[in-house]
């Protein structure tokens, strides 16, 4: 998977994590402006968590291939 393909995959997975968070709380139908700051922070946490899991999986699957990602996640 190229870096561009991986970035698109991570973006989709982060969007899914945000959607799942909203759906689980019954707020998928609400406009963003109706959400409280803590809800926006929780969505950001879901997206960041998704990125970390996918990044670690990529590093584990292809050791030594993604030095910048490794440095970013381990710094």
Protein backbone atom coordinates (compact mmCIF):
# COMPACT_ATOMS: atom_id res chain seq x y z
CA UNK A 1 0.00 0.00 0.00
CA UNK A 2 1.44 3.36 -0.97
CA UNK A 3 1.64 6.24 1.48
CA UNK A 4 -1.24 8.00 -0.31
CA UNK A 5 -3.40 4.85 -0.17
CA UNK A 6 -2.58 4.39 3.50
CA UNK A 7 -3.45 8.02 4.27
CA UNK A 8 -6.81 7.61 2.50
CA UNK A 9 -7.43 4.39 4.46
CA UNK A 10 -6.58 6.06 7.79
CA UNK A 11 -8.83 9.01 6.95
CA UNK A 12 -11.74 6.66 6.21
CA UNK A 13 -11.16 4.71 9.40
CA UNK A 14 -10.99 7.91 11.47
CA UNK A 15 -14.23 9.11 9.89
CA UNK A 16 -15.81 5.76 10.72
CA UNK A 17 -14.61 6.06 14.34
CA UNK A 18 -16.19 9.51 14.59
CA UNK A 19 -19.42 8.25 13.01
CA UNK A 20 -19.55 5.27 15.36
CA UNK A 21 -19.03 7.55 18.35
CA UNK A 22 -21.84 9.84 17.21
CA UNK A 23 -24.14 6.95 16.34
CA UNK A 24 -23.60 5.28 19.72
CA UNK A 25 -24.75 8.46 21.43
CA UNK A 26 -27.72 9.03 19.12
CA UNK A 27 -26.32 12.28 17.79
CA UNK A 28 -25.52 11.38 14.20
CA UNK A 29 -28.44 13.50 12.98
CA UNK A 30 -27.33 16.69 14.80
CA UNK A 31 -25.39 19.43 13.04
CA UNK A 32 -21.83 19.93 14.31
CA UNK A 33 -22.73 23.32 15.77
CA UNK A 34 -25.13 21.59 18.17
CA UNK A 35 -22.35 19.54 19.75
CA UNK A 36 -20.66 20.56 22.97
CA UNK A 37 -16.89 20.99 23.19
CA UNK A 38 -16.51 17.75 25.17
CA UNK A 39 -18.32 15.90 22.36
CA UNK A 40 -15.98 17.36 19.74
CA UNK A 41 -13.02 16.39 21.92
CA UNK A 42 -14.36 12.84 22.22
CA UNK A 43 -14.69 12.62 18.44
CA UNK A 44 -11.11 13.82 18.08
CA UNK A 45 -10.01 11.17 20.59
CA UNK A 46 -11.78 8.48 18.56
CA UNK A 47 -10.05 9.62 15.37
CA UNK A 48 -6.62 9.90 17.01
CA UNK A 49 -7.03 6.47 18.61
CA UNK A 50 -7.89 5.00 15.22
CA UNK A 51 -4.77 6.59 13.71
CA UNK A 52 -2.52 5.23 16.46
CA UNK A 53 -3.88 1.69 16.13
CA UNK A 54 -3.56 1.71 12.34
CA UNK A 55 -0.10 3.28 12.48
CA UNK A 56 1.18 0.70 14.95
CA UNK A 57 -0.30 -2.09 12.84
CA UNK A 58 1.46 -0.74 9.76
CA UNK A 59 4.79 -0.50 11.56
CA UNK A 60 4.41 -4.04 12.90
CA UNK A 61 3.44 -5.43 9.48
CA UNK A 62 6.34 -3.73 7.70
CA UNK A 63 9.17 -3.25 10.23
CA UNK A 64 11.81 -0.75 9.21
CA UNK A 65 9.74 0.59 6.31
CA UNK A 66 8.07 3.60 7.94
CA UNK A 67 10.70 5.49 9.87
CA UNK A 68 8.85 8.82 9.94
CA UNK A 69 5.65 7.18 11.21
CA UNK A 70 7.66 5.24 13.79
CA UNK A 71 9.37 8.41 14.99
CA UNK A 72 6.06 10.26 15.12
CA UNK A 73 4.30 7.61 17.16
CA UNK A 74 7.20 6.84 19.47
CA UNK A 75 8.43 10.41 20.06
